[in-house]
Amino acid sequence: MQGVVPRKFGLVAGLGVGAAIFYYRSLVNAHLARGLSPNILMVHADVRRVMAHAAAREVPELASYLAGLLHQLAGGGAEISTIPAFSPQICAQELADLSPLPLISLLDVIAAEVERRSLQRVAIFGARVTVETKLFGRLQNTDVITPKPAEVDLLSSIYVRIVEEEQASEADYATLRALAHTLIDRERLDAILLAGTDLVFVFNPENTDFPHLDGARRHIDAIMQNLAPRLDNEAEQLDFRTKR
């Protein structure tokens, strides 16, 4: 990859802080694995404001706020960007219309992977808004099974705490793992969709012993495919950008 310069990438951080650090570290490591120096700009979002807008379904207000952050990144020279969190995706279409930058769409990445793997029945783990909207209605050709109300409450309370504390306990892991197995068996699911960035504090490729799709890690792969594809895979580069 000598002589290859990765595109300047804009990352909206702070949604929450722990998840942004995971994205940053993962992207840096992926660049270094390709023999490249990362070219990353970051801007910090107010996670409380974003979550409040998302929970209240205040789509125009959220899109306007995030677009302002993207304008800051564009002003710094970013060529392409993303929103590395699920709850803000409630305004994905509105934000695409306002964004000064092409966005590597988290929802498009996941929808494409669900289709590629022919997943017919899934349940979603993540923030309440992500679960209740069934990934914001993006999985049109897949049966998205909503857990029982008490299960949604449990999932939501654990996820909020993980976001706030930027870590997960052994009890959190055990509870969510048990819930995943229960849902897979009871609902005859093909997979659990891990659609909460902070779930990286709970599950990783080594400890996830149930069928799953890790949305955050798949998103990072897609970002790298756009920023600096490996030479041997360059012909297979995927485009998950939402054009402005």
C-alpha atoms as a PDB file:
ATOM      1  CA  MET A   1       0.000   0.000   0.000  1.00  0.00           C
ATOM      2  CA  GLN A   2       3.049   2.253  -0.304  1.00  0.00           C
ATOM      3  CA  GLY A   3       2.098   5.560  -1.852  1.00  0.00           C
ATOM      4  CA  VAL A   4      -1.599   5.170  -1.024  1.00  0.00           C
ATOM      5  CA  VAL A   5      -3.050   8.085   0.943  1.00  0.00           C
ATOM      6  CA  PRO A   6      -6.306   7.330   2.768  1.00  0.00           C
ATOM      7  CA  ARG A   7      -9.158   9.763   2.373  1.00  0.00           C
ATOM      8  CA  LYS A   8      -9.612  12.318   5.140  1.00  0.00           C
ATOM      9  CA  PHE A   9     -12.362  10.927   7.331  1.00  0.00           C
ATOM     10  CA  GLY A  10     -14.693  12.836   9.654  1.00  0.00           C
ATOM     11  CA  LEU A  11     -15.907  11.041  12.781  1.00  0.00           C
ATOM     12  CA  VAL A  12     -18.739  12.403  14.916  1.00  0.00           C
ATOM     13  CA  ALA A  13     -17.566  11.383  18.388  1.00  0.00           C
ATOM     14  CA  GLY A  14     -19.236  11.449  21.793  1.00  0.00           C
ATOM     15  CA  LEU A  15     -22.244   9.195  21.085  1.00  0.00           C
ATOM     16  CA  GLY A  16     -21.128   8.052  23.738  1.00  0.00           C
ATOM     17  CA  VAL A  17     -17.493   8.554  24.488  1.00  0.00           C
ATOM     18  CA  GLY A  18     -16.613   4.882  24.980  1.00  0.00           C
ATOM     19  CA  ALA A  19     -18.096   3.884  21.641  1.00  0.00           C
ATOM     20  CA  ALA A  20     -16.255   6.712  19.868  1.00  0.00           C
ATOM     21  CA  ILE A  21     -12.978   5.504  21.387  1.00  0.00           C
ATOM     22  CA  PHE A  22     -13.762   2.001  20.104  1.00  0.00           C
ATOM     23  CA  TYR A  23     -14.354   3.347  16.593  1.00  0.00           C
ATOM     24  CA  TYR A  24     -11.216   5.495  16.694  1.00  0.00           C
ATOM     25  CA  ARG A  25      -9.009   2.684  17.976  1.00  0.00           C
ATOM     26  CA  SER A  26     -10.452   0.197  15.485  1.00  0.00           C
ATOM     27  CA  LEU A  27      -9.955   2.568  12.547  1.00  0.00           C
ATOM     28  CA  VAL A  28      -6.404   3.383  13.590  1.00  0.00           C
ATOM     29  CA  ASN A  29      -5.552  -0.311  13.894  1.00  0.00           C
ATOM     30  CA  ALA A  30      -7.145  -1.054  10.525  1.00  0.00           C
ATOM     31  CA  HIS A  31      -5.087   1.694   8.875  1.00  0.00           C
ATOM     32  CA  LEU A  32      -1.886   0.455  10.493  1.00  0.00           C
ATOM     33  CA  ALA A  33      -2.643  -3.096   9.356  1.00  0.00           C
ATOM     34  CA  ARG A  34      -2.634  -1.710   5.804  1.00  0.00           C
ATOM     35  CA  GLY A  35       0.618   0.160   6.389  1.00  0.00           C
ATOM     36  CA  LEU A  36      -1.152   3.513   6.331  1.00  0.00           C
ATOM     37  CA  SER A  37      -1.228   6.559   8.568  1.00  0.00           C
ATOM     38  CA  PRO A  38      -4.808   7.473   9.594  1.00  0.00           C
ATOM     39  CA  ASN A  39      -6.228  10.773   8.377  1.00  0.00           C
ATOM     40  CA  ILE A  40      -9.090  11.308  10.829  1.00  0.00           C
ATOM     41  CA  LEU A  41     -10.870  14.419  12.085  1.00  0.00           C
ATOM     42  CA  MET A  42     -13.265  14.295  15.025  1.00  0.00           C
ATOM     43  CA  VAL A  43     -15.966  16.539  16.402  1.00  0.00           C
ATOM     44  CA  HIS A  44     -17.698  15.980  19.724  1.00  0.00           C
ATOM     45  CA  ALA A  45     -21.488  15.631  19.924  1.00  0.00           C
ATOM     46  CA  ASP A  46     -23.631  16.204  23.017  1.00  0.00           C
ATOM     47  CA  VAL A  47     -24.931  12.678  23.618  1.00  0.00           C
ATOM     48  CA  ARG A  48     -27.624  13.895  26.022  1.00  0.00           C
ATOM     49  CA  ARG A  49     -29.048  16.223  23.384  1.00  0.00           C
ATOM     50  CA  VAL A  50     -28.900  13.562  20.686  1.00  0.00           C
ATOM     51  CA  MET A  51     -30.551  10.888  22.840  1.00  0.00           C
ATOM     52  CA  ALA A  52     -33.260  13.314  23.972  1.00  0.00           C
ATOM     53  CA  HIS A  53     -34.119  14.242  20.372  1.00  0.00           C
ATOM     54  CA  ALA A  54     -34.092  10.572  19.342  1.00  0.00           C
ATOM     55  CA  ALA A  55     -36.265   9.434  22.259  1.00  0.00           C
ATOM     56  CA  ALA A  56     -38.800  12.213  21.534  1.00  0.00           C
ATOM     57  CA  ARG A  57     -38.707  11.401  17.791  1.00  0.00           C
ATOM     58  CA  GLU A  58     -37.679  15.013  17.115  1.00  0.00           C
ATOM     59  CA  VAL A  59     -36.302  14.215  13.690  1.00  0.00           C
ATOM     60  CA  PRO A  60     -35.849  17.712  12.145  1.00  0.00           C
ATOM     61  CA  GLU A  61     -34.153  19.048  15.273  1.00  0.00           C
ATOM     62  CA  LEU A  62     -31.775  16.089  15.462  1.00  0.00           C
ATOM     63  CA  ALA A  63     -30.918  16.245  11.765  1.00  0.00           C
ATOM     64  CA  SER A  64     -30.193  19.970  12.012  1.00  0.00           C
ATOM     65  CA  TYR A  65     -27.922  19.509  15.024  1.00  0.00           C
ATOM     66  CA  LEU A  66     -25.931  16.672  13.441  1.00  0.00           C
ATOM     67  CA  ALA A  67     -25.657  18.545  10.141  1.00  0.00           C
ATOM     68  CA  GLY A  68     -24.009  21.396  12.031  1.00  0.00           C
ATOM     69  CA  LEU A  69     -21.358  19.004  13.326  1.00  0.00           C
ATOM     70  CA  LEU A  70     -20.797  17.639   9.823  1.00  0.00           C
ATOM     71  CA  HIS A  71     -20.300  21.185   8.548  1.00  0.00           C
ATOM     72  CA  GLN A  72     -17.513  21.581  11.126  1.00  0.00           C
ATOM     73  CA  LEU A  73     -15.841  18.429   9.807  1.00  0.00           C
ATOM     74  CA  ALA A  74     -16.238  19.587   6.207  1.00  0.00           C
ATOM     75  CA  GLY A  75     -14.666  22.900   7.161  1.00  0.00           C
ATOM     76  CA  GLY A  76     -11.678  20.991   8.505  1.00  0.00           C
ATOM     77  CA  GLY A  77     -11.180  19.220   5.210  1.00  0.00           C
ATOM     78  CA  ALA A  78     -13.004  15.925   5.748  1.00  0.00           C
ATOM     79  CA  GLU A  79     -13.997  14.234   2.499  1.00  0.00           C
ATOM     80  CA  ILE A  80     -16.385  11.638   3.874  1.00  0.00           C
ATOM     81  CA  SER A  81     -17.968  10.980   7.269  1.00  0.00           C
ATOM     82  CA  THR A  82     -20.300   8.863   9.353  1.00  0.00           C
ATOM     83  CA  ILE A  83     -22.479   8.919  12.449  1.00  0.00           C
ATOM     84  CA  PRO A  84     -21.118   5.992  14.513  1.00  0.00           C
ATOM     85  CA  ALA A  85     -24.233   5.369  16.609  1.00  0.00           C
ATOM     86  CA  PHE A  86     -27.647   3.824  16.103  1.00  0.00           C
ATOM     87  CA  SER A  87     -30.147   6.071  17.877  1.00  0.00           C
ATOM     88  CA  PRO A  88     -29.346   9.113  15.664  1.00  0.00           C
ATOM     89  CA  GLN A  89     -30.228   7.016  12.607  1.00  0.00           C
ATOM     90  CA  ILE A  90     -33.842   7.924  13.242  1.00  0.00           C
ATOM     91  CA  CYS A  91     -33.066  11.018  11.145  1.00  0.00           C
ATOM     92  CA  ALA A  92     -30.848   9.268   8.587  1.00  0.00           C
ATOM     93  CA  GLN A  93     -32.766  10.372   5.497  1.00  0.00           C
ATOM     94  CA  GLU A  94     -33.243  13.944   6.689  1.00  0.00           C
ATOM     95  CA  LEU A  95     -29.564  14.171   7.626  1.00  0.00           C
ATOM     96  CA  ALA A  96     -28.485  12.863   4.209  1.00  0.00           C
ATOM     97  CA  ASP A  97     -30.395  15.743   2.632  1.00  0.00           C
ATOM     98  CA  LEU A  98     -28.638  18.308   4.861  1.00  0.00           C
ATOM     99  CA  SER A  99     -25.142  16.842   5.062  1.00  0.00           C
ATOM    100  CA  PRO A 100     -22.274  18.679   3.355  1.00  0.00           C
ATOM    101  CA  LEU A 101     -20.416  15.348   3.170  1.00  0.00           C
ATOM    102  CA  PRO A 102     -21.154  11.892   1.782  1.00  0.00           C
ATOM    103  CA  LEU A 103     -21.985   9.591   4.707  1.00  0.00           C
ATOM    104  CA  ILE A 104     -21.042   5.950   5.097  1.00  0.00           C
ATOM    105  CA  SER A 105     -24.486   4.792   6.167  1.00  0.00           C
ATOM    106  CA  LEU A 106     -24.645   2.521   9.190  1.00  0.00           C
ATOM    107  CA  LEU A 107     -28.145   1.390   8.247  1.00  0.00           C
ATOM    108  CA  ASP A 108     -27.220   0.624   4.641  1.00  0.00           C
ATOM    109  CA  VAL A 109     -24.255  -1.443   5.793  1.00  0.00           C
ATOM    110  CA  ILE A 110     -26.432  -3.543   8.078  1.00  0.00           C
ATOM    111  CA  ALA A 111     -29.279  -3.938   5.609  1.00  0.00           C
ATOM    112  CA  ALA A 112     -26.804  -5.136   2.989  1.00  0.00           C
ATOM    113  CA  GLU A 113     -25.266  -7.644   5.395  1.00  0.00           C
ATOM    114  CA  VAL A 114     -28.677  -8.972   6.441  1.00  0.00           C
ATOM    115  CA  GLU A 115     -29.505  -9.506   2.792  1.00  0.00           C
ATOM    116  CA  ARG A 116     -26.116 -11.050   2.007  1.00  0.00           C
ATOM    117  CA  ARG A 117     -26.550 -13.562   4.824  1.00  0.00           C
ATOM    118  CA  SER A 118     -30.215 -14.204   3.932  1.00  0.00           C
ATOM    119  CA  LEU A 119     -31.364 -13.585   7.505  1.00  0.00           C
ATOM    120  CA  GLN A 120     -35.137 -14.059   7.596  1.00  0.00           C
ATOM    121  CA  ARG A 121     -35.948 -13.682  11.309  1.00  0.00           C
ATOM    122  CA  VAL A 122     -33.964 -11.470  13.680  1.00  0.00           C
ATOM    123  CA  ALA A 123     -34.330  -9.622  16.964  1.00  0.00           C
ATOM    124  CA  ILE A 124     -32.534  -6.397  17.782  1.00  0.00           C
ATOM    125  CA  PHE A 125     -30.392  -5.547  20.790  1.00  0.00           C
ATOM    126  CA  GLY A 126     -29.746  -1.837  21.337  1.00  0.00           C
ATOM    127  CA  ALA A 127     -31.344   1.357  22.600  1.00  0.00           C
ATOM    128  CA  ARG A 128     -35.114   1.430  23.034  1.00  0.00           C
ATOM    129  CA  VAL A 129     -35.695   3.615  19.972  1.00  0.00           C
ATOM    130  CA  THR A 130     -33.721   1.186  17.799  1.00  0.00           C
ATOM    131  CA  VAL A 131     -35.618  -1.828  19.092  1.00  0.00           C
ATOM    132  CA  GLU A 132     -39.083  -0.261  18.981  1.00  0.00           C
ATOM    133  CA  THR A 133     -38.659   1.111  15.451  1.00  0.00           C
ATOM    134  CA  LYS A 134     -37.209  -2.212  14.258  1.00  0.00           C
ATOM    135  CA  LEU A 135     -33.996  -0.562  13.065  1.00  0.00           C
ATOM    136  CA  PHE A 136     -35.989   2.432  11.838  1.00  0.00           C
ATOM    137  CA  GLY A 137     -37.954   0.283   9.409  1.00  0.00           C
ATOM    138  CA  ARG A 138     -34.930  -0.465   7.250  1.00  0.00           C
ATOM    139  CA  LEU A 139     -35.239  -4.272   7.178  1.00  0.00           C
ATOM    140  CA  GLN A 140     -38.183  -4.499   4.824  1.00  0.00           C
ATOM    141  CA  ASN A 141     -37.623  -8.079   3.697  1.00  0.00           C
ATOM    142  CA  THR A 142     -36.845  -9.532   7.116  1.00  0.00           C
ATOM    143  CA  ASP A 143     -39.129 -10.459  10.001  1.00  0.00           C
ATOM    144  CA  VAL A 144     -37.930  -8.338  12.923  1.00  0.00           C
ATOM    145  CA  ILE A 145     -39.250  -9.879  16.138  1.00  0.00           C
ATOM    146  CA  THR A 146     -39.751  -7.482  19.037  1.00  0.00           C
ATOM    147  CA  PRO A 147     -39.040  -8.983  22.478  1.00  0.00           C
ATOM    148  CA  LYS A 148     -41.768  -8.954  25.111  1.00  0.00           C
ATOM    149  CA  PRO A 149     -42.314  -5.567  26.845  1.00  0.00           C
ATOM    150  CA  ALA A 150     -40.535  -6.677  30.017  1.00  0.00           C
ATOM    151  CA  GLU A 151     -37.612  -7.897  27.923  1.00  0.00           C
ATOM    152  CA  VAL A 152     -37.429  -4.579  26.066  1.00  0.00           C
ATOM    153  CA  ASP A 153     -37.420  -2.751  29.409  1.00  0.00           C
ATOM    154  CA  LEU A 154     -34.596  -4.962  30.682  1.00  0.00           C
ATOM    155  CA  LEU A 155     -32.571  -4.556  27.510  1.00  0.00           C
ATOM    156  CA  SER A 156     -33.086  -0.790  27.482  1.00  0.00           C
ATOM    157  CA  SER A 157     -32.105  -0.299  31.130  1.00  0.00           C
ATOM    158  CA  ILE A 158     -28.920  -2.328  30.721  1.00  0.00           C
ATOM    159  CA  TYR A 159     -27.985  -0.511  27.524  1.00  0.00           C
ATOM    160  CA  VAL A 160     -28.497   2.950  29.035  1.00  0.00           C
ATOM    161  CA  ARG A 161     -26.265   2.020  31.966  1.00  0.00           C
ATOM    162  CA  ILE A 162     -23.539   0.678  29.668  1.00  0.00           C
ATOM    163  CA  VAL A 163     -23.578   3.907  27.645  1.00  0.00           C
ATOM    164  CA  GLU A 164     -23.354   6.013  30.795  1.00  0.00           C
ATOM    165  CA  GLU A 165     -20.614   3.934  32.469  1.00  0.00           C
ATOM    166  CA  GLU A 166     -18.701   3.093  29.257  1.00  0.00           C
ATOM    167  CA  GLN A 167     -18.333  -0.481  30.434  1.00  0.00           C
ATOM    168  CA  ALA A 168     -20.332  -3.642  31.029  1.00  0.00           C
ATOM    169  CA  SER A 169     -20.298  -5.984  34.000  1.00  0.00           C
ATOM    170  CA  GLU A 170     -20.180  -9.767  34.006  1.00  0.00           C
ATOM    171  CA  ALA A 171     -23.826  -9.648  35.102  1.00  0.00           C
ATOM    172  CA  ASP A 172     -24.711  -7.530  32.050  1.00  0.00           C
ATOM    173  CA  TYR A 173     -23.037 -10.059  29.784  1.00  0.00           C
ATOM    174  CA  ALA A 174     -24.738 -13.013  31.460  1.00  0.00           C
ATOM    175  CA  THR A 175     -28.175 -11.370  31.316  1.00  0.00           C
ATOM    176  CA  LEU A 176     -27.949 -10.309  27.679  1.00  0.00           C
ATOM    177  CA  ARG A 177     -26.433 -13.635  26.629  1.00  0.00           C
ATOM    178  CA  ALA A 178     -29.276 -15.516  28.335  1.00  0.00           C
ATOM    179  CA  LEU A 179     -31.857 -13.231  26.703  1.00  0.00           C
ATOM    180  CA  ALA A 180     -30.280 -13.808  23.290  1.00  0.00           C
ATOM    181  CA  HIS A 181     -30.460 -17.588  23.683  1.00  0.00           C
ATOM    182  CA  THR A 182     -34.051 -17.359  24.948  1.00  0.00           C
ATOM    183  CA  LEU A 183     -35.157 -15.277  21.964  1.00  0.00           C
ATOM    184  CA  ILE A 184     -33.359 -17.451  19.430  1.00  0.00           C
ATOM    185  CA  ASP A 185     -34.975 -20.611  20.819  1.00  0.00           C
ATOM    186  CA  ARG A 186     -38.443 -19.181  21.479  1.00  0.00           C
ATOM    187  CA  GLU A 187     -38.792 -17.147  18.285  1.00  0.00           C
ATOM    188  CA  ARG A 188     -36.790 -19.443  15.974  1.00  0.00           C
ATOM    189  CA  LEU A 189     -34.460 -16.594  15.012  1.00  0.00           C
ATOM    190  CA  ASP A 190     -31.675 -16.699  12.475  1.00  0.00           C
ATOM    191  CA  ALA A 191     -29.634 -14.157  14.451  1.00  0.00           C
ATOM    192  CA  ILE A 192     -29.531 -11.397  17.026  1.00  0.00           C
ATOM    193  CA  LEU A 193     -28.685  -8.038  15.455  1.00  0.00           C
ATOM    194  CA  LEU A 194     -26.323  -6.162  17.768  1.00  0.00           C
ATOM    195  CA  ALA A 195     -27.515  -2.673  16.864  1.00  0.00           C
ATOM    196  CA  GLY A 196     -26.029  -0.665  19.686  1.00  0.00           C
ATOM    197  CA  THR A 197     -22.473   0.603  19.363  1.00  0.00           C
ATOM    198  CA  ASP A 198     -21.832   0.290  23.100  1.00  0.00           C
ATOM    199  CA  LEU A 199     -22.606  -3.423  22.913  1.00  0.00           C
ATOM    200  CA  VAL A 200     -18.936  -3.770  21.942  1.00  0.00           C
ATOM    201  CA  PHE A 201     -18.351  -3.550  25.708  1.00  0.00           C
ATOM    202  CA  VAL A 202     -20.453  -6.697  26.148  1.00  0.00           C
ATOM    203  CA  PHE A 203     -19.894  -8.928  23.136  1.00  0.00           C
ATOM    204  CA  ASN A 204     -16.861  -9.679  21.015  1.00  0.00           C
ATOM    205  CA  PRO A 205     -16.075 -12.395  18.459  1.00  0.00           C
ATOM    206  CA  GLU A 206     -14.667 -14.648  21.178  1.00  0.00           C
ATOM    207  CA  ASN A 207     -17.512 -14.577  23.717  1.00  0.00           C
ATOM    208  CA  THR A 208     -20.590 -14.380  21.481  1.00  0.00           C
ATOM    209  CA  ASP A 209     -21.867 -17.949  21.364  1.00  0.00           C
ATOM    210  CA  PHE A 210     -25.122 -17.349  19.487  1.00  0.00           C
ATOM    211  CA  PRO A 211     -25.867 -16.427  15.845  1.00  0.00           C
ATOM    212  CA  HIS A 212     -25.443 -12.680  15.510  1.00  0.00           C
ATOM    213  CA  LEU A 213     -24.623  -9.737  13.291  1.00  0.00           C
ATOM    214  CA  ASP A 214     -22.339  -7.191  14.954  1.00  0.00           C
ATOM    215  CA  GLY A 215     -23.452  -3.894  13.444  1.00  0.00           C
ATOM    216  CA  ALA A 216     -20.628  -1.690  14.765  1.00  0.00           C
ATOM    217  CA  ARG A 217     -17.821  -4.002  13.676  1.00  0.00           C
ATOM    218  CA  ARG A 218     -19.381  -4.526  10.244  1.00  0.00           C
ATOM    219  CA  HIS A 219     -19.719  -0.739   9.913  1.00  0.00           C
ATOM    220  CA  ILE A 220     -16.029  -0.265  10.647  1.00  0.00           C
ATOM    221  CA  ASP A 221     -15.168  -2.802   7.939  1.00  0.00           C
ATOM    222  CA  ALA A 222     -17.313  -0.835   5.480  1.00  0.00           C
ATOM    223  CA  ILE A 223     -15.660   2.451   6.453  1.00  0.00           C
ATOM    224  CA  MET A 224     -12.257   0.985   5.708  1.00  0.00           C
ATOM    225  CA  GLN A 225     -13.478  -0.408   2.401  1.00  0.00           C
ATOM    226  CA  ASN A 226     -14.301   3.166   1.436  1.00  0.00           C
ATOM    227  CA  LEU A 227     -11.267   4.896   2.928  1.00  0.00           C
ATOM    228  CA  ALA A 228      -8.459   2.521   2.053  1.00  0.00           C
ATOM    229  CA  PRO A 229      -9.451  -0.794   0.487  1.00  0.00           C
ATOM    230  CA  ARG A 230      -6.859  -3.517   0.501  1.00  0.00           C
ATOM    231  CA  LEU A 231      -5.249  -3.799  -2.905  1.00  0.00           C
ATOM    232  CA  ASP A 232      -6.297  -7.433  -3.293  1.00  0.00           C
ATOM    233  CA  ASN A 233      -9.911  -6.521  -2.545  1.00  0.00           C
ATOM    234  CA  GLU A 234     -10.050  -3.174  -4.297  1.00  0.00           C
ATOM    235  CA  ALA A 235     -12.210  -4.494  -7.126  1.00  0.00           C
ATOM    236  CA  GLU A 236     -14.748  -5.621  -4.551  1.00  0.00           C
ATOM    237  CA  GLN A 237     -14.979  -2.255  -2.780  1.00  0.00           C
ATOM    238  CA  LEU A 238     -18.503  -1.667  -1.530  1.00  0.00           C
ATOM    239  CA  ASP A 239     -20.173   1.733  -1.544  1.00  0.00           C
ATOM    240  CA  PHE A 240     -22.378   2.365   1.484  1.00  0.00           C
ATOM    241  CA  ARG A 241     -22.274   6.142   1.125  1.00  0.00           C
ATOM    242  CA  THR A 242     -25.401   8.207   1.339  1.00  0.00           C
ATOM    243  CA  LYS A 243     -24.928  10.894  -1.265  1.00  0.00           C
ATOM    244  CA  ARG A 244     -25.791  14.449  -0.360  1.00  0.00           C
END
